Amino acid sequence: MSLFFDADWFDARLAERWLDRNALAACAGIAVEDLQLLFTNRRAPSAQELQAFAKLLGADLVEVTLRAGVATRAAAPDGETVATRIEDIEARLDAVDAWLEEFEAAARKRA
């Protein structure tokens, strides 16, 4: 799950190009319904989707990734234990590793 998808930023970039969310979904090869899951933080974008978004928007991949919420961290809840925090960090690292693996696989396909 994405932690904070900056829908306003994506909508503004699309508007600058006279495009809409349908174009964003099409460029990534996903259904508009799947894109809506991204925009509402119910699904994390794949590396391939982020690359397609960056290309369509003429934006840097790192910025698109950050705006998609991939690197955003939620505030720690009150009373969180050290063990819970470590488990959370490990889960985040696993997610980053999986994303990097997917990103590198997509890069190898293009090469």
N, C-alpha and C. Protein backbone atom coordinates (compact mmCIF):
# COMPACT_ATOMS: atom_id res chain seq x y z
N MET A 1 0.84 -1.17 0.00
CA MET A 1 0.00 0.00 0.00
C MET A 1 0.89 1.24 0.00
N SER A 2 0.50 2.19 -0.78
CA SER A 2 1.19 3.47 -0.79
C SER A 2 0.82 4.23 0.48
N LEU A 3 1.75 5.03 0.98
CA LEU A 3 1.49 5.73 2.23
C LEU A 3 0.87 7.11 2.02
N PHE A 4 1.23 7.78 0.96
CA PHE A 4 0.62 9.08 0.69
C PHE A 4 0.82 9.41 -0.78
N PHE A 5 -0.18 9.14 -1.57
CA PHE A 5 -0.14 9.44 -3.00
C PHE A 5 -0.61 10.88 -3.16
N ASP A 6 0.24 11.73 -3.71
CA ASP A 6 -0.06 13.16 -3.85
C ASP A 6 -0.91 13.38 -5.10
N ALA A 7 -2.20 13.09 -4.97
CA ALA A 7 -3.12 13.18 -6.10
C ALA A 7 -3.16 14.58 -6.69
N ASP A 8 -3.11 15.60 -5.85
CA ASP A 8 -3.16 16.98 -6.35
C ASP A 8 -1.97 17.28 -7.26
N TRP A 9 -0.79 16.80 -6.88
CA TRP A 9 0.40 17.03 -7.70
C TRP A 9 0.25 16.35 -9.05
N PHE A 10 -0.19 15.08 -9.05
CA PHE A 10 -0.37 14.36 -10.31
C PHE A 10 -1.44 15.03 -11.17
N ASP A 11 -2.55 15.43 -10.57
CA ASP A 11 -3.60 16.10 -11.33
C ASP A 11 -3.10 17.42 -11.94
N ALA A 12 -2.30 18.16 -11.19
CA ALA A 12 -1.75 19.43 -11.69
C ALA A 12 -0.81 19.18 -12.86
N ARG A 13 0.05 18.17 -12.75
CA ARG A 13 0.98 17.87 -13.86
C ARG A 13 0.20 17.42 -15.09
N LEU A 14 -0.84 16.63 -14.88
CA LEU A 14 -1.67 16.20 -16.01
C LEU A 14 -2.34 17.41 -16.66
N ALA A 15 -2.89 18.30 -15.86
CA ALA A 15 -3.58 19.48 -16.38
C ALA A 15 -2.64 20.36 -17.19
N GLU A 16 -1.39 20.46 -16.77
CA GLU A 16 -0.40 21.25 -17.52
C GLU A 16 -0.23 20.73 -18.94
N ARG A 17 -0.51 19.44 -19.14
CA ARG A 17 -0.34 18.81 -20.45
C ARG A 17 -1.69 18.54 -21.13
N TRP A 18 -2.73 19.11 -20.57
CA TRP A 18 -4.09 18.92 -21.09
C TRP A 18 -4.46 17.44 -21.12
N LEU A 19 -4.05 16.72 -20.09
CA LEU A 19 -4.34 15.30 -19.96
C LEU A 19 -5.17 15.07 -18.71
N ASP A 20 -5.70 13.86 -18.60
CA ASP A 20 -6.46 13.50 -17.41
C ASP A 20 -5.98 12.15 -16.88
N ARG A 21 -6.67 11.68 -15.86
CA ARG A 21 -6.27 10.42 -15.24
C ARG A 21 -6.40 9.23 -16.19
N ASN A 22 -7.32 9.33 -17.15
CA ASN A 22 -7.44 8.25 -18.14
C ASN A 22 -6.14 8.09 -18.92
N ALA A 23 -5.52 9.21 -19.27
CA ALA A 23 -4.24 9.16 -20.00
C ALA A 23 -3.15 8.56 -19.12
N LEU A 24 -3.17 8.90 -17.84
CA LEU A 24 -2.16 8.36 -16.92
C LEU A 24 -2.32 6.85 -16.79
N ALA A 25 -3.54 6.38 -16.67
CA ALA A 25 -3.79 4.94 -16.59
C ALA A 25 -3.36 4.25 -17.88
N ALA A 26 -3.72 4.84 -19.01
CA ALA A 26 -3.39 4.24 -20.31
C ALA A 26 -1.88 4.14 -20.51
N CYS A 27 -1.15 5.18 -20.13
CA CYS A 27 0.30 5.16 -20.35
C CYS A 27 0.97 4.07 -19.52
N ALA A 28 0.38 3.73 -18.38
CA ALA A 28 0.94 2.70 -17.51
C ALA A 28 0.38 1.32 -17.82
N GLY A 29 -0.59 1.27 -18.72
CA GLY A 29 -1.18 -0.02 -19.08
C GLY A 29 -2.06 -0.61 -17.98
N ILE A 30 -2.71 0.27 -17.21
CA ILE A 30 -3.58 -0.21 -16.14
C ILE A 30 -4.98 0.36 -16.34
N ALA A 31 -5.94 -0.28 -15.72
CA ALA A 31 -7.32 0.19 -15.78
C ALA A 31 -7.47 1.45 -14.93
N VAL A 32 -8.43 2.27 -15.30
CA VAL A 32 -8.71 3.49 -14.53
C VAL A 32 -9.05 3.12 -13.08
N GLU A 33 -9.71 1.99 -12.89
CA GLU A 33 -10.05 1.55 -11.54
C GLU A 33 -8.79 1.25 -10.72
N ASP A 34 -7.78 0.67 -11.37
CA ASP A 34 -6.51 0.42 -10.68
C ASP A 34 -5.81 1.73 -10.34
N LEU A 35 -5.88 2.68 -11.26
CA LEU A 35 -5.28 3.99 -10.98
C LEU A 35 -5.97 4.65 -9.78
N GLN A 36 -7.28 4.49 -9.70
CA GLN A 36 -8.01 5.05 -8.56
C GLN A 36 -7.52 4.44 -7.25
N LEU A 37 -7.16 3.17 -7.25
CA LEU A 37 -6.60 2.54 -6.05
C LEU A 37 -5.29 3.22 -5.65
N LEU A 38 -4.49 3.60 -6.64
CA LEU A 38 -3.25 4.33 -6.35
C LEU A 38 -3.56 5.70 -5.75
N PHE A 39 -4.47 6.40 -6.37
CA PHE A 39 -4.80 7.77 -5.95
C PHE A 39 -5.43 7.80 -4.55
N THR A 40 -6.01 6.70 -4.12
CA THR A 40 -6.65 6.65 -2.80
C THR A 40 -5.84 5.82 -1.81
N ASN A 41 -4.57 5.60 -2.12
CA ASN A 41 -3.64 4.92 -1.20
C ASN A 41 -4.05 3.50 -0.84
N ARG A 42 -4.73 2.82 -1.76
CA ARG A 42 -5.13 1.44 -1.49
C ARG A 42 -4.27 0.43 -2.23
N ARG A 43 -3.34 0.94 -3.04
CA ARG A 43 -2.40 0.08 -3.75
C ARG A 43 -1.16 0.90 -4.04
N ALA A 44 0.00 0.25 -3.94
CA ALA A 44 1.26 0.92 -4.26
C ALA A 44 1.55 0.76 -5.75
N PRO A 45 2.13 1.77 -6.38
CA PRO A 45 2.48 1.66 -7.79
C PRO A 45 3.68 0.75 -7.99
N SER A 46 3.72 0.11 -9.14
CA SER A 46 4.89 -0.72 -9.49
C SER A 46 5.97 0.18 -10.07
N ALA A 47 7.16 -0.35 -10.16
CA ALA A 47 8.27 0.40 -10.75
C ALA A 47 7.97 0.77 -12.20
N GLN A 48 7.38 -0.16 -12.93
CA GLN A 48 7.05 0.09 -14.34
C GLN A 48 6.01 1.21 -14.45
N GLU A 49 5.03 1.21 -13.57
CA GLU A 49 4.01 2.27 -13.58
C GLU A 49 4.63 3.62 -13.28
N LEU A 50 5.53 3.66 -12.30
CA LEU A 50 6.20 4.92 -11.95
C LEU A 50 7.01 5.45 -13.13
N GLN A 51 7.69 4.55 -13.83
CA GLN A 51 8.47 4.97 -15.00
C GLN A 51 7.55 5.54 -16.08
N ALA A 52 6.42 4.89 -16.30
CA ALA A 52 5.47 5.38 -17.30
C ALA A 52 4.91 6.74 -16.90
N PHE A 53 4.59 6.91 -15.62
CA PHE A 53 4.08 8.19 -15.14
C PHE A 53 5.11 9.29 -15.36
N ALA A 54 6.37 9.00 -15.01
CA ALA A 54 7.43 10.00 -15.16
C ALA A 54 7.59 10.42 -16.62
N LYS A 55 7.55 9.44 -17.50
CA LYS A 55 7.70 9.74 -18.93
C LYS A 55 6.54 10.61 -19.43
N LEU A 56 5.32 10.24 -19.10
CA LEU A 56 4.15 10.99 -19.55
C LEU A 56 4.16 12.41 -19.00
N LEU A 57 4.54 12.55 -17.73
CA LEU A 57 4.50 13.85 -17.07
C LEU A 57 5.75 14.69 -17.33
N GLY A 58 6.76 14.10 -17.96
CA GLY A 58 8.01 14.82 -18.18
C GLY A 58 8.68 15.19 -16.87
N ALA A 59 8.55 14.31 -15.89
CA ALA A 59 9.08 14.57 -14.55
C ALA A 59 10.18 13.57 -14.22
N ASP A 60 10.99 13.93 -13.25
CA ASP A 60 12.05 13.06 -12.77
C ASP A 60 11.45 11.85 -12.07
N LEU A 61 12.01 10.67 -12.31
CA LEU A 61 11.49 9.45 -11.72
C LEU A 61 11.52 9.50 -10.19
N VAL A 62 12.56 10.09 -9.63
CA VAL A 62 12.64 10.18 -8.17
C VAL A 62 11.49 11.03 -7.62
N GLU A 63 11.22 12.16 -8.28
CA GLU A 63 10.12 13.01 -7.81
C GLU A 63 8.79 12.29 -7.93
N VAL A 64 8.58 11.61 -9.05
CA VAL A 64 7.33 10.87 -9.23
C VAL A 64 7.19 9.79 -8.15
N THR A 65 8.29 9.11 -7.86
CA THR A 65 8.28 8.07 -6.83
C THR A 65 7.92 8.66 -5.47
N LEU A 66 8.53 9.78 -5.14
CA LEU A 66 8.22 10.42 -3.86
C LEU A 66 6.78 10.91 -3.81
N ARG A 67 6.32 11.50 -4.91
CA ARG A 67 4.94 12.01 -4.96
C ARG A 67 3.92 10.87 -4.93
N ALA A 68 4.36 9.68 -5.35
CA ALA A 68 3.48 8.51 -5.30
C ALA A 68 3.44 7.89 -3.90
N GLY A 69 4.23 8.44 -2.99
CA GLY A 69 4.18 7.99 -1.61
C GLY A 69 5.04 6.80 -1.28
N VAL A 70 5.85 6.37 -2.23
CA VAL A 70 6.66 5.18 -1.99
C VAL A 70 7.65 5.39 -0.86
N ALA A 71 8.20 6.58 -0.71
CA ALA A 71 9.22 6.82 0.30
C ALA A 71 8.70 7.56 1.53
N THR A 72 7.41 7.79 1.61
CA THR A 72 6.85 8.52 2.73
C THR A 72 6.66 7.59 3.92
N ARG A 73 6.98 8.09 5.11
CA ARG A 73 6.82 7.27 6.31
C ARG A 73 5.80 7.92 7.23
N ALA A 74 4.88 7.12 7.71
CA ALA A 74 3.85 7.62 8.63
C ALA A 74 4.46 7.87 10.00
N ALA A 75 3.84 8.77 10.75
CA ALA A 75 4.29 9.05 12.11
C ALA A 75 4.05 7.83 13.00
N ALA A 76 4.94 7.64 13.96
CA ALA A 76 4.81 6.52 14.88
C ALA A 76 3.63 6.75 15.82
N PRO A 77 2.80 5.74 16.00
CA PRO A 77 1.67 5.88 16.92
C PRO A 77 2.16 5.96 18.37
N ASP A 78 1.35 6.57 19.22
CA ASP A 78 1.69 6.66 20.64
C ASP A 78 1.79 5.26 21.23
N GLY A 79 2.78 5.06 22.08
CA GLY A 79 2.95 3.78 22.77
C GLY A 79 3.57 2.69 21.94
N GLU A 80 4.10 3.02 20.78
CA GLU A 80 4.73 2.01 19.94
C GLU A 80 6.00 1.50 20.62
N THR A 81 6.17 0.18 20.64
CA THR A 81 7.35 -0.41 21.27
C THR A 81 8.51 -0.43 20.30
N VAL A 82 9.71 -0.61 20.84
CA VAL A 82 10.90 -0.71 20.00
C VAL A 82 10.79 -1.91 19.07
N ALA A 83 10.32 -3.02 19.60
CA ALA A 83 10.19 -4.24 18.78
C ALA A 83 9.22 -4.02 17.63
N THR A 84 8.11 -3.35 17.91
CA THR A 84 7.13 -3.06 16.86
C THR A 84 7.73 -2.14 15.81
N ARG A 85 8.48 -1.16 16.26
CA ARG A 85 9.11 -0.22 15.33
C ARG A 85 10.13 -0.93 14.44
N ILE A 86 10.91 -1.84 15.03
CA ILE A 86 11.89 -2.60 14.25
C ILE A 86 11.18 -3.47 13.22
N GLU A 87 10.10 -4.12 13.62
CA GLU A 87 9.32 -4.93 12.68
C GLU A 87 8.80 -4.07 11.53
N ASP A 88 8.34 -2.88 11.85
CA ASP A 88 7.84 -1.95 10.84
C ASP A 88 8.96 -1.55 9.88
N ILE A 89 10.13 -1.26 10.43
CA ILE A 89 11.28 -0.88 9.59
C ILE A 89 11.67 -2.04 8.69
N GLU A 90 11.71 -3.25 9.24
CA GLU A 90 12.05 -4.42 8.43
C GLU A 90 11.03 -4.64 7.31
N ALA A 91 9.76 -4.44 7.61
CA ALA A 91 8.73 -4.58 6.58
C ALA A 91 8.91 -3.54 5.48
N ARG A 92 9.26 -2.32 5.88
CA ARG A 92 9.50 -1.27 4.89
C ARG A 92 10.71 -1.60 4.02
N LEU A 93 11.76 -2.11 4.65
CA LEU A 93 12.95 -2.49 3.88
C LEU A 93 12.63 -3.61 2.90
N ASP A 94 11.82 -4.57 3.33
CA ASP A 94 11.39 -5.63 2.43
C ASP A 94 10.63 -5.05 1.23
N ALA A 95 9.76 -4.07 1.50
CA ALA A 95 9.00 -3.43 0.42
C ALA A 95 9.93 -2.67 -0.52
N VAL A 96 10.92 -1.98 0.03
CA VAL A 96 11.89 -1.26 -0.80
C VAL A 96 12.69 -2.25 -1.65
N ASP A 97 13.13 -3.35 -1.03
CA ASP A 97 13.88 -4.37 -1.77
C ASP A 97 13.05 -4.93 -2.92
N ALA A 98 11.78 -5.21 -2.65
CA ALA A 98 10.90 -5.74 -3.70
C ALA A 98 10.72 -4.72 -4.81
N TRP A 99 10.55 -3.45 -4.45
CA TRP A 99 10.39 -2.41 -5.45
C TRP A 99 11.65 -2.28 -6.30
N LEU A 100 12.82 -2.29 -5.65
CA LEU A 100 14.08 -2.18 -6.39
C LEU A 100 14.27 -3.36 -7.33
N GLU A 101 13.92 -4.55 -6.87
CA GLU A 101 14.04 -5.73 -7.72
C GLU A 101 13.15 -5.60 -8.95
N GLU A 102 11.93 -5.14 -8.75
CA GLU A 102 11.00 -4.94 -9.86
C GLU A 102 11.52 -3.85 -10.80
N PHE A 103 12.03 -2.77 -10.23
CA PHE A 103 12.58 -1.67 -11.02
C PHE A 103 13.76 -2.14 -11.87
N GLU A 104 14.68 -2.89 -11.27
CA GLU A 104 15.85 -3.39 -11.99
C GLU A 104 15.45 -4.38 -13.08
N ALA A 105 14.45 -5.22 -12.81
CA ALA A 105 13.98 -6.16 -13.82
C ALA A 105 13.39 -5.42 -15.01
N ALA A 106 12.63 -4.36 -14.75
CA ALA A 106 12.06 -3.56 -15.83
C ALA A 106 13.17 -2.87 -16.63
N ALA A 107 14.21 -2.41 -15.95
CA ALA A 107 15.33 -1.76 -16.63
C ALA A 107 16.07 -2.76 -17.52
N ARG A 108 16.22 -3.99 -17.05
CA ARG A 108 16.91 -5.01 -17.86
C ARG A 108 16.10 -5.34 -19.11
N LYS A 109 14.77 -5.34 -18.99
CA LYS A 109 13.92 -5.62 -20.15
C LYS A 109 14.08 -4.55 -21.23
N ARG A 110 14.24 -3.30 -20.79
CA ARG A 110 14.38 -2.20 -21.75
C ARG A 110 15.75 -2.22 -22.42
N ALA A 111 16.74 -2.76 -21.74
CA ALA A 111 18.13 -2.72 -22.27
C ALA A 111 18.36 -3.72 -23.36
